[in-house]
Amino acid sequence: MQYEWNENKRLANLDRHKVDFTDAVDFEWNTAIETIDDRSDYGEERWVTLGFIGNKLHVMVYTIRGHKIRIISLRKANKREIKYYEKET
């Protein structure tokens, strides 16, 4: 997978969530759960994906731009999201 992001957004995400977009290279897509984020009209299709980086479940929000995944947000999953993942897998 090829990733891209806005550098200012990466730094803000790192400050807020303590997770770096560069960690996405270790995202385990083969066990991930994806849903479309349709809470708002973003002007593009956005995906919310639950998947592991190492032994921690993470939430990645992204869109597809060209042939790359453009990361919008990446953070550790909360308890509700962990329960949802466990129920669905």
PDB file of N, CA and C in Angstrom:
ATOM      1  N   MET A   1       0.839  -1.187   0.000  1.00  0.00           N
ATOM      2  CA  MET A   1       0.000   0.000   0.000  1.00  0.00           C
ATOM      3  C   MET A   1       0.878   1.242   0.000  1.00  0.00           C
ATOM      4  N   GLN A   2       0.455   2.215  -0.754  1.00  0.00           N
ATOM      5  CA  GLN A   2       1.140   3.504  -0.726  1.00  0.00           C
ATOM      6  C   GLN A   2       0.257   4.495   0.019  1.00  0.00           C
ATOM      7  N   TYR A   3       0.882   5.278   0.883  1.00  0.00           N
ATOM      8  CA  TYR A   3       0.167   6.241   1.704  1.00  0.00           C
ATOM      9  C   TYR A   3       0.643   7.649   1.400  1.00  0.00           C
ATOM     10  N   GLU A   4      -0.264   8.599   1.644  1.00  0.00           N
ATOM     11  CA  GLU A   4       0.097  10.005   1.598  1.00  0.00           C
ATOM     12  C   GLU A   4      -0.742  10.721   2.652  1.00  0.00           C
ATOM     13  N   TRP A   5      -0.330  11.942   2.976  1.00  0.00           N
ATOM     14  CA  TRP A   5      -1.054  12.730   3.967  1.00  0.00           C
ATOM     15  C   TRP A   5      -0.593  14.170   3.899  1.00  0.00           C
ATOM     16  N   ASN A   6      -1.377  15.009   4.538  1.00  0.00           N
ATOM     17  CA  ASN A   6      -1.014  16.398   4.736  1.00  0.00           C
ATOM     18  C   ASN A   6      -0.085  16.442   5.950  1.00  0.00           C
ATOM     19  N   GLU A   7       1.094  17.007   5.784  1.00  0.00           N
ATOM     20  CA  GLU A   7       2.092  16.994   6.860  1.00  0.00           C
ATOM     21  C   GLU A   7       1.603  17.736   8.102  1.00  0.00           C
ATOM     22  N   ASN A   8       0.907  18.853   7.931  1.00  0.00           N
ATOM     23  CA  ASN A   8       0.375  19.568   9.099  1.00  0.00           C
ATOM     24  C   ASN A   8      -0.656  18.722   9.836  1.00  0.00           C
ATOM     25  N   LYS A   9      -1.462  17.974   9.084  1.00  0.00           N
ATOM     26  CA  LYS A   9      -2.448  17.073   9.680  1.00  0.00           C
ATOM     27  C   LYS A   9      -1.740  15.938  10.429  1.00  0.00           C
ATOM     28  N   ARG A  10      -0.651  15.425   9.875  1.00  0.00           N
ATOM     29  CA  ARG A  10       0.117  14.369  10.551  1.00  0.00           C
ATOM     30  C   ARG A  10       0.637  14.864  11.892  1.00  0.00           C
ATOM     31  N   LEU A  11       1.194  16.065  11.906  1.00  0.00           N
ATOM     32  CA  LEU A  11       1.739  16.621  13.147  1.00  0.00           C
ATOM     33  C   LEU A  11       0.640  16.873  14.172  1.00  0.00           C
ATOM     34  N   ALA A  12      -0.512  17.370  13.720  1.00  0.00           N
ATOM     35  CA  ALA A  12      -1.640  17.594  14.627  1.00  0.00           C
ATOM     36  C   ALA A  12      -2.153  16.271  15.184  1.00  0.00           C
ATOM     37  N   ASN A  13      -2.224  15.241  14.337  1.00  0.00           N
ATOM     38  CA  ASN A  13      -2.660  13.917  14.771  1.00  0.00           C
ATOM     39  C   ASN A  13      -1.686  13.333  15.793  1.00  0.00           C
ATOM     40  N   LEU A  14      -0.406  13.508  15.547  1.00  0.00           N
ATOM     41  CA  LEU A  14       0.625  13.020  16.466  1.00  0.00           C
ATOM     42  C   LEU A  14       0.497  13.699  17.823  1.00  0.00           C
ATOM     43  N   ASP A  15       0.249  14.989  17.821  1.00  0.00           N
ATOM     44  CA  ASP A  15       0.088  15.738  19.065  1.00  0.00           C
ATOM     45  C   ASP A  15      -1.180  15.315  19.805  1.00  0.00           C
ATOM     46  N   ARG A  16      -2.272  15.156  19.079  1.00  0.00           N
ATOM     47  CA  ARG A  16      -3.562  14.848  19.698  1.00  0.00           C
ATOM     48  C   ARG A  16      -3.695  13.384  20.110  1.00  0.00           C
ATOM     49  N   HIS A  17      -3.290  12.470  19.219  1.00  0.00           N
ATOM     50  CA  HIS A  17      -3.530  11.041  19.450  1.00  0.00           C
ATOM     51  C   HIS A  17      -2.275  10.241  19.784  1.00  0.00           C
ATOM     52  N   LYS A  18      -1.113  10.876  19.657  1.00  0.00           N
ATOM     53  CA  LYS A  18       0.169  10.199  19.934  1.00  0.00           C
ATOM     54  C   LYS A  18       0.403   9.002  19.017  1.00  0.00           C
ATOM     55  N   VAL A  19      -0.141   9.075  17.810  1.00  0.00           N
ATOM     56  CA  VAL A  19       0.060   8.043  16.791  1.00  0.00           C
ATOM     57  C   VAL A  19       0.495   8.755  15.517  1.00  0.00           C
ATOM     58  N   ASP A  20       1.563   8.254  14.903  1.00  0.00           N
ATOM     59  CA  ASP A  20       2.124   8.871  13.704  1.00  0.00           C
ATOM     60  C   ASP A  20       1.569   8.189  12.458  1.00  0.00           C
ATOM     61  N   PHE A  21       1.209   8.972  11.455  1.00  0.00           N
ATOM     62  CA  PHE A  21       0.734   8.409  10.194  1.00  0.00           C
ATOM     63  C   PHE A  21       1.759   7.455   9.588  1.00  0.00           C
ATOM     64  N   THR A  22       3.032   7.659   9.854  1.00  0.00           N
ATOM     65  CA  THR A  22       4.060   6.771   9.307  1.00  0.00           C
ATOM     66  C   THR A  22       3.909   5.346   9.843  1.00  0.00           C
ATOM     67  N   ASP A  23       3.212   5.175  10.972  1.00  0.00           N
ATOM     68  CA  ASP A  23       2.968   3.841  11.528  1.00  0.00           C
ATOM     69  C   ASP A  23       2.021   3.018  10.655  1.00  0.00           C
ATOM     70  N   ALA A  24       1.325   3.674   9.739  1.00  0.00           N
ATOM     71  CA  ALA A  24       0.359   2.980   8.880  1.00  0.00           C
ATOM     72  C   ALA A  24       1.008   1.891   8.031  1.00  0.00           C
ATOM     73  N   VAL A  25       2.303   1.963   7.807  1.00  0.00           N
ATOM     74  CA  VAL A  25       2.969   0.914   7.016  1.00  0.00           C
ATOM     75  C   VAL A  25       2.828  -0.451   7.680  1.00  0.00           C
ATOM     76  N   ASP A  26       2.576  -0.475   8.993  1.00  0.00           N
ATOM     77  CA  ASP A  26       2.412  -1.732   9.725  1.00  0.00           C
ATOM     78  C   ASP A  26       0.948  -2.106   9.953  1.00  0.00           C
ATOM     79  N   PHE A  27       0.018  -1.360   9.355  1.00  0.00           N
ATOM     80  CA  PHE A  27      -1.412  -1.625   9.519  1.00  0.00           C
ATOM     81  C   PHE A  27      -1.749  -2.977   8.902  1.00  0.00           C
ATOM     82  N   GLU A  28      -2.424  -3.824   9.658  1.00  0.00           N
ATOM     83  CA  GLU A  28      -2.755  -5.183   9.216  1.00  0.00           C
ATOM     84  C   GLU A  28      -4.100  -5.186   8.477  1.00  0.00           C
ATOM     85  N   TRP A  29      -4.042  -4.997   7.179  1.00  0.00           N
ATOM     86  CA  TRP A  29      -5.245  -4.917   6.354  1.00  0.00           C
ATOM     87  C   TRP A  29      -5.989  -6.248   6.270  1.00  0.00           C
ATOM     88  N   ASN A  30      -5.279  -7.359   6.387  1.00  0.00           N
ATOM     89  CA  ASN A  30      -5.911  -8.670   6.200  1.00  0.00           C
ATOM     90  C   ASN A  30      -6.930  -9.006   7.283  1.00  0.00           C
ATOM     91  N   THR A  31      -6.885  -8.348   8.436  1.00  0.00           N
ATOM     92  CA  THR A  31      -7.855  -8.591   9.504  1.00  0.00           C
ATOM     93  C   THR A  31      -8.680  -7.344   9.817  1.00  0.00           C
ATOM     94  N   ALA A  32      -8.624  -6.352   8.946  1.00  0.00           N
ATOM     95  CA  ALA A  32      -9.302  -5.072   9.196  1.00  0.00           C
ATOM     96  C   ALA A  32     -10.789  -5.144   8.849  1.00  0.00           C
ATOM     97  N   ILE A  33     -11.554  -4.283   9.504  1.00  0.00           N
ATOM     98  CA  ILE A  33     -12.976  -4.091   9.222  1.00  0.00           C
ATOM     99  C   ILE A  33     -13.142  -2.674   8.693  1.00  0.00           C
ATOM    100  N   GLU A  34     -13.790  -2.544   7.523  1.00  0.00           N
ATOM    101  CA  GLU A  34     -13.955  -1.224   6.906  1.00  0.00           C
ATOM    102  C   GLU A  34     -15.427  -0.863   6.766  1.00  0.00           C
ATOM    103  N   THR A  35     -15.729   0.403   6.990  1.00  0.00           N
ATOM    104  CA  THR A  35     -17.057   0.945   6.724  1.00  0.00           C
ATOM    105  C   THR A  35     -16.893   2.322   6.088  1.00  0.00           C
ATOM    106  N   ILE A  36     -17.883   2.715   5.305  1.00  0.00           N
ATOM    107  CA  ILE A  36     -17.867   4.056   4.717  1.00  0.00           C
ATOM    108  C   ILE A  36     -18.298   5.051   5.786  1.00  0.00           C
ATOM    109  N   ASP A  37     -17.592   6.159   5.884  1.00  0.00           N
ATOM    110  CA  ASP A  37     -17.940   7.237   6.811  1.00  0.00           C
ATOM    111  C   ASP A  37     -18.935   8.150   6.103  1.00  0.00           C
ATOM    112  N   ASP A  38     -20.218   7.967   6.423  1.00  0.00           N
ATOM    113  CA  ASP A  38     -21.255   8.771   5.774  1.00  0.00           C
ATOM    114  C   ASP A  38     -21.935   9.722   6.757  1.00  0.00           C
ATOM    115  N   ARG A  39     -21.237  10.057   7.834  1.00  0.00           N
ATOM    116  CA  ARG A  39     -21.811  10.965   8.838  1.00  0.00           C
ATOM    117  C   ARG A  39     -21.985  12.374   8.304  1.00  0.00           C
ATOM    118  N   SER A  40     -21.164  12.759   7.345  1.00  0.00           N
ATOM    119  CA  SER A  40     -21.227  14.088   6.736  1.00  0.00           C
ATOM    120  C   SER A  40     -20.913  13.969   5.255  1.00  0.00           C
ATOM    121  N   ASP A  41     -21.206  15.030   4.513  1.00  0.00           N
ATOM    122  CA  ASP A  41     -20.803  15.092   3.109  1.00  0.00           C
ATOM    123  C   ASP A  41     -19.421  15.730   3.062  1.00  0.00           C
ATOM    124  N   TYR A  42     -18.414  14.911   2.853  1.00  0.00           N
ATOM    125  CA  TYR A  42     -17.027  15.374   2.851  1.00  0.00           C
ATOM    126  C   TYR A  42     -16.558  15.792   1.458  1.00  0.00           C
ATOM    127  N   GLY A  43     -17.398  15.585   0.462  1.00  0.00           N
ATOM    128  CA  GLY A  43     -16.991  15.885  -0.899  1.00  0.00           C
ATOM    129  C   GLY A  43     -16.158  14.776  -1.515  1.00  0.00           C
ATOM    130  N   GLU A  44     -15.978  13.689  -0.782  1.00  0.00           N
ATOM    131  CA  GLU A  44     -15.228  12.523  -1.247  1.00  0.00           C
ATOM    132  C   GLU A  44     -15.637  11.342  -0.380  1.00  0.00           C
ATOM    133  N   GLU A  45     -15.421  10.144  -0.864  1.00  0.00           N
ATOM    134  CA  GLU A  45     -15.735   8.954  -0.088  1.00  0.00           C
ATOM    135  C   GLU A  45     -14.654   8.733   0.956  1.00  0.00           C
ATOM    136  N   ARG A  46     -15.071   8.630   2.214  1.00  0.00           N
ATOM    137  CA  ARG A  46     -14.128   8.372   3.306  1.00  0.00           C
ATOM    138  C   ARG A  46     -14.437   7.030   3.938  1.00  0.00           C
ATOM    139  N   TRP A  47     -13.384   6.372   4.360  1.00  0.00           N
ATOM    140  CA  TRP A  47     -13.492   5.058   4.983  1.00  0.00           C
ATOM    141  C   TRP A  47     -12.997   5.123   6.420  1.00  0.00           C
ATOM    142  N   VAL A  48     -13.680   4.378   7.293  1.00  0.00           N
ATOM    143  CA  VAL A  48     -13.241   4.187   8.673  1.00  0.00           C
ATOM    144  C   VAL A  48     -12.877   2.716   8.788  1.00  0.00           C
ATOM    145  N   THR A  49     -11.655   2.448   9.204  1.00  0.00           N
ATOM    146  CA  THR A  49     -11.144   1.086   9.230  1.00  0.00           C
ATOM    147  C   THR A  49     -10.569   0.764  10.597  1.00  0.00           C
ATOM    148  N   LEU A  50     -10.978  -0.367  11.142  1.00  0.00           N
ATOM    149  CA  LEU A  50     -10.423  -0.881  12.394  1.00  0.00           C
ATOM    150  C   LEU A  50      -9.432  -1.979  12.048  1.00  0.00           C
ATOM    151  N   GLY A  51      -8.213  -1.849  12.533  1.00  0.00           N
ATOM    152  CA  GLY A  51      -7.199  -2.852  12.261  1.00  0.00           C
ATOM    153  C   GLY A  51      -6.030  -2.715  13.215  1.00  0.00           C
ATOM    154  N   PHE A  52      -5.226  -3.725  13.242  1.00  0.00           N
ATOM    155  CA  PHE A  52      -4.110  -3.750  14.184  1.00  0.00           C
ATOM    156  C   PHE A  52      -2.844  -3.133  13.609  1.00  0.00           C
ATOM    157  N   ILE A  53      -2.146  -2.441  14.470  1.00  0.00           N
ATOM    158  CA  ILE A  53      -0.753  -2.054  14.275  1.00  0.00           C
ATOM    159  C   ILE A  53      -0.041  -2.659  15.474  1.00  0.00           C
ATOM    160  N   GLY A  54       0.755  -3.682  15.201  1.00  0.00           N
ATOM    161  CA  GLY A  54       1.330  -4.437  16.317  1.00  0.00           C
ATOM    162  C   GLY A  54       0.209  -5.160  17.045  1.00  0.00           C
ATOM    163  N   ASN A  55       0.178  -5.048  18.372  1.00  0.00           N
ATOM    164  CA  ASN A  55      -0.859  -5.738  19.151  1.00  0.00           C
ATOM    165  C   ASN A  55      -1.966  -4.797  19.616  1.00  0.00           C
ATOM    166  N   LYS A  56      -2.015  -3.579  19.074  1.00  0.00           N
ATOM    167  CA  LYS A  56      -3.032  -2.590  19.453  1.00  0.00           C
ATOM    168  C   LYS A  56      -3.982  -2.337  18.282  1.00  0.00           C
ATOM    169  N   LEU A  57      -5.278  -2.335  18.584  1.00  0.00           N
ATOM    170  CA  LEU A  57      -6.280  -2.028  17.577  1.00  0.00           C
ATOM    171  C   LEU A  57      -6.305  -0.520  17.341  1.00  0.00           C
ATOM    172  N   HIS A  58      -6.321  -0.123  16.082  1.00  0.00           N
ATOM    173  CA  HIS A  58      -6.316   1.289  15.695  1.00  0.00           C
ATOM    174  C   HIS A  58      -7.494   1.592  14.775  1.00  0.00           C
ATOM    175  N   VAL A  59      -7.820   2.865  14.683  1.00  0.00           N
ATOM    176  CA  VAL A  59      -8.839   3.365  13.768  1.00  0.00           C
ATOM    177  C   VAL A  59      -8.150   4.280  12.766  1.00  0.00           C
ATOM    178  N   MET A  60      -8.291   3.950  11.496  1.00  0.00           N
ATOM    179  CA  MET A  60      -7.745   4.799  10.436  1.00  0.00           C
ATOM    180  C   MET A  60      -8.908   5.338   9.604  1.00  0.00           C
ATOM    181  N   VAL A  61      -8.931   6.645   9.421  1.00  0.00           N
ATOM    182  CA  VAL A  61      -9.881   7.279   8.515  1.00  0.00           C
ATOM    183  C   VAL A  61      -9.073   7.712   7.305  1.00  0.00           C
ATOM    184  N   TYR A  62      -9.567   7.343   6.122  1.00  0.00           N
ATOM    185  CA  TYR A  62      -8.803   7.655   4.915  1.00  0.00           C
ATOM    186  C   TYR A  62      -9.725   7.821   3.721  1.00  0.00           C
ATOM    187  N   THR A  63      -9.157   8.317   2.652  1.00  0.00           N
ATOM    188  CA  THR A  63      -9.811   8.379   1.353  1.00  0.00           C
ATOM    189  C   THR A  63      -8.807   7.893   0.315  1.00  0.00           C
ATOM    190  N   ILE A  64      -9.281   7.587  -0.859  1.00  0.00           N
ATOM    191  CA  ILE A  64      -8.394   7.159  -1.939  1.00  0.00           C
ATOM    192  C   ILE A  64      -8.171   8.348  -2.866  1.00  0.00           C
ATOM    193  N   ARG A  65      -6.928   8.649  -3.117  1.00  0.00           N
ATOM    194  CA  ARG A  65      -6.560   9.703  -4.068  1.00  0.00           C
ATOM    195  C   ARG A  65      -5.614   9.081  -5.088  1.00  0.00           C
ATOM    196  N   GLY A  66      -6.105   8.961  -6.309  1.00  0.00           N
ATOM    197  CA  GLY A  66      -5.306   8.281  -7.324  1.00  0.00           C
ATOM    198  C   GLY A  66      -5.158   6.826  -6.924  1.00  0.00           C
ATOM    199  N   HIS A  67      -3.932   6.373  -6.777  1.00  0.00           N
ATOM    200  CA  HIS A  67      -3.661   4.991  -6.368  1.00  0.00           C
ATOM    201  C   HIS A  67      -3.103   4.930  -4.952  1.00  0.00           C
ATOM    202  N   LYS A  68      -3.310   5.994  -4.178  1.00  0.00           N
ATOM    203  CA  LYS A  68      -2.756   6.053  -2.822  1.00  0.00           C
ATOM    204  C   LYS A  68      -3.860   6.210  -1.787  1.00  0.00           C
ATOM    205  N   ILE A  69      -3.571   5.709  -0.601  1.00  0.00           N
ATOM    206  CA  ILE A  69      -4.437   5.925   0.553  1.00  0.00           C
ATOM    207  C   ILE A  69      -4.003   7.229   1.204  1.00  0.00           C
ATOM    208  N   ARG A  70      -4.933   8.191   1.261  1.00  0.00           N
ATOM    209  CA  ARG A  70      -4.646   9.475   1.904  1.00  0.00           C
ATOM    210  C   ARG A  70      -5.211   9.418   3.316  1.00  0.00           C
ATOM    211  N   ILE A  71      -4.320   9.367   4.298  1.00  0.00           N
ATOM    212  CA  ILE A  71      -4.722   9.238   5.694  1.00  0.00           C
ATOM    213  C   ILE A  71      -5.243  10.577   6.202  1.00  0.00           C
ATOM    214  N   ILE A  72      -6.400  10.510   6.842  1.00  0.00           N
ATOM    215  CA  ILE A  72      -7.017  11.689   7.440  1.00  0.00           C
ATOM    216  C   ILE A  72      -6.821  11.666   8.949  1.00  0.00           C
ATOM    217  N   SER A  73      -6.928  10.475   9.544  1.00  0.00           N
ATOM    218  CA  SER A  73      -6.757  10.325  10.991  1.00  0.00           C
ATOM    219  C   SER A  73      -6.292   8.908  11.291  1.00  0.00           C
ATOM    220  N   LEU A  74      -5.505   8.769  12.338  1.00  0.00           N
ATOM    221  CA  LEU A  74      -5.051   7.460  12.806  1.00  0.00           C
ATOM    222  C   LEU A  74      -4.878   7.547  14.310  1.00  0.00           C
ATOM    223  N   ARG A  75      -5.573   6.647  15.025  1.00  0.00           N
ATOM    224  CA  ARG A  75      -5.513   6.673  16.487  1.00  0.00           C
ATOM    225  C   ARG A  75      -5.778   5.280  17.038  1.00  0.00           C
ATOM    226  N   LYS A  76      -5.484   5.103  18.326  1.00  0.00           N
ATOM    227  CA  LYS A  76      -5.814   3.845  18.991  1.00  0.00           C
ATOM    228  C   LYS A  76      -7.325   3.762  19.163  1.00  0.00           C
ATOM    229  N   ALA A  77      -7.860   2.562  19.030  1.00  0.00           N
ATOM    230  CA  ALA A  77      -9.298   2.346  19.182  1.00  0.00           C
ATOM    231  C   ALA A  77      -9.713   2.523  20.638  1.00  0.00           C
ATOM    232  N   ASN A  78     -10.928   3.026  20.835  1.00  0.00           N
ATOM    233  CA  ASN A  78     -11.460   3.147  22.195  1.00  0.00           C
ATOM    234  C   ASN A  78     -12.189   1.853  22.578  1.00  0.00           C
ATOM    235  N   LYS A  79     -12.689   1.774  23.805  1.00  0.00           N
ATOM    236  CA  LYS A  79     -13.315   0.543  24.298  1.00  0.00           C
ATOM    237  C   LYS A  79     -14.523   0.127  23.465  1.00  0.00           C
ATOM    238  N   ARG A  80     -15.329   1.096  23.065  1.00  0.00           N
ATOM    239  CA  ARG A  80     -16.510   0.796  22.252  1.00  0.00           C
ATOM    240  C   ARG A  80     -16.100   0.200  20.908  1.00  0.00           C
ATOM    241  N   GLU A  81     -15.068   0.754  20.297  1.00  0.00           N
ATOM    242  CA  GLU A  81     -14.589   0.265  19.003  1.00  0.00           C
ATOM    243  C   GLU A  81     -13.953  -1.113  19.133  1.00  0.00           C
ATOM    244  N   ILE A  82     -13.266  -1.355  20.228  1.00  0.00           N
ATOM    245  CA  ILE A  82     -12.677  -2.679  20.473  1.00  0.00           C
ATOM    246  C   ILE A  82     -13.781  -3.721  20.602  1.00  0.00           C
ATOM    247  N   LYS A  83     -14.842  -3.404  21.365  1.00  0.00           N
ATOM    248  CA  LYS A  83     -15.968  -4.334  21.513  1.00  0.00           C
ATOM    249  C   LYS A  83     -16.623  -4.610  20.165  1.00  0.00           C
ATOM    250  N   TYR A  84     -16.802  -3.570  19.364  1.00  0.00           N
ATOM    251  CA  TYR A  84     -17.394  -3.731  18.035  1.00  0.00           C
ATOM    252  C   TYR A  84     -16.529  -4.656  17.176  1.00  0.00           C
ATOM    253  N   TYR A  85     -15.225  -4.436  17.183  1.00  0.00           N
ATOM    254  CA  TYR A  85     -14.309  -5.263  16.395  1.00  0.00           C
ATOM    255  C   TYR A  85     -14.395  -6.725  16.847  1.00  0.00           C
ATOM    256  N   GLU A  86     -14.391  -6.938  18.156  1.00  0.00           N
ATOM    257  CA  GLU A  86     -14.450  -8.305  18.685  1.00  0.00           C
ATOM    258  C   GLU A  86     -15.756  -8.987  18.303  1.00  0.00           C
ATOM    259  N   LYS A  87     -16.853  -8.237  18.302  1.00  0.00           N
ATOM    260  CA  LYS A  87     -18.153  -8.789  17.935  1.00  0.00           C
ATOM    261  C   LYS A  87     -18.207  -9.159  16.450  1.00  0.00           C
ATOM    262  N   GLU A  88     -17.562  -8.359  15.620  1.00  0.00           N
ATOM    263  CA  GLU A  88     -17.638  -8.549  14.170  1.00  0.00           C
ATOM    264  C   GLU A  88     -16.631  -9.561  13.618  1.00  0.00           C
ATOM    265  N   THR A  89     -15.634  -9.923  14.400  1.00  0.00           N
ATOM    266  CA  THR A  89     -14.619 -10.854  13.879  1.00  0.00           C
ATOM    267  C   THR A  89     -14.683 -12.207  14.550  1.00  0.00           C
TER     268      THR A  89
END
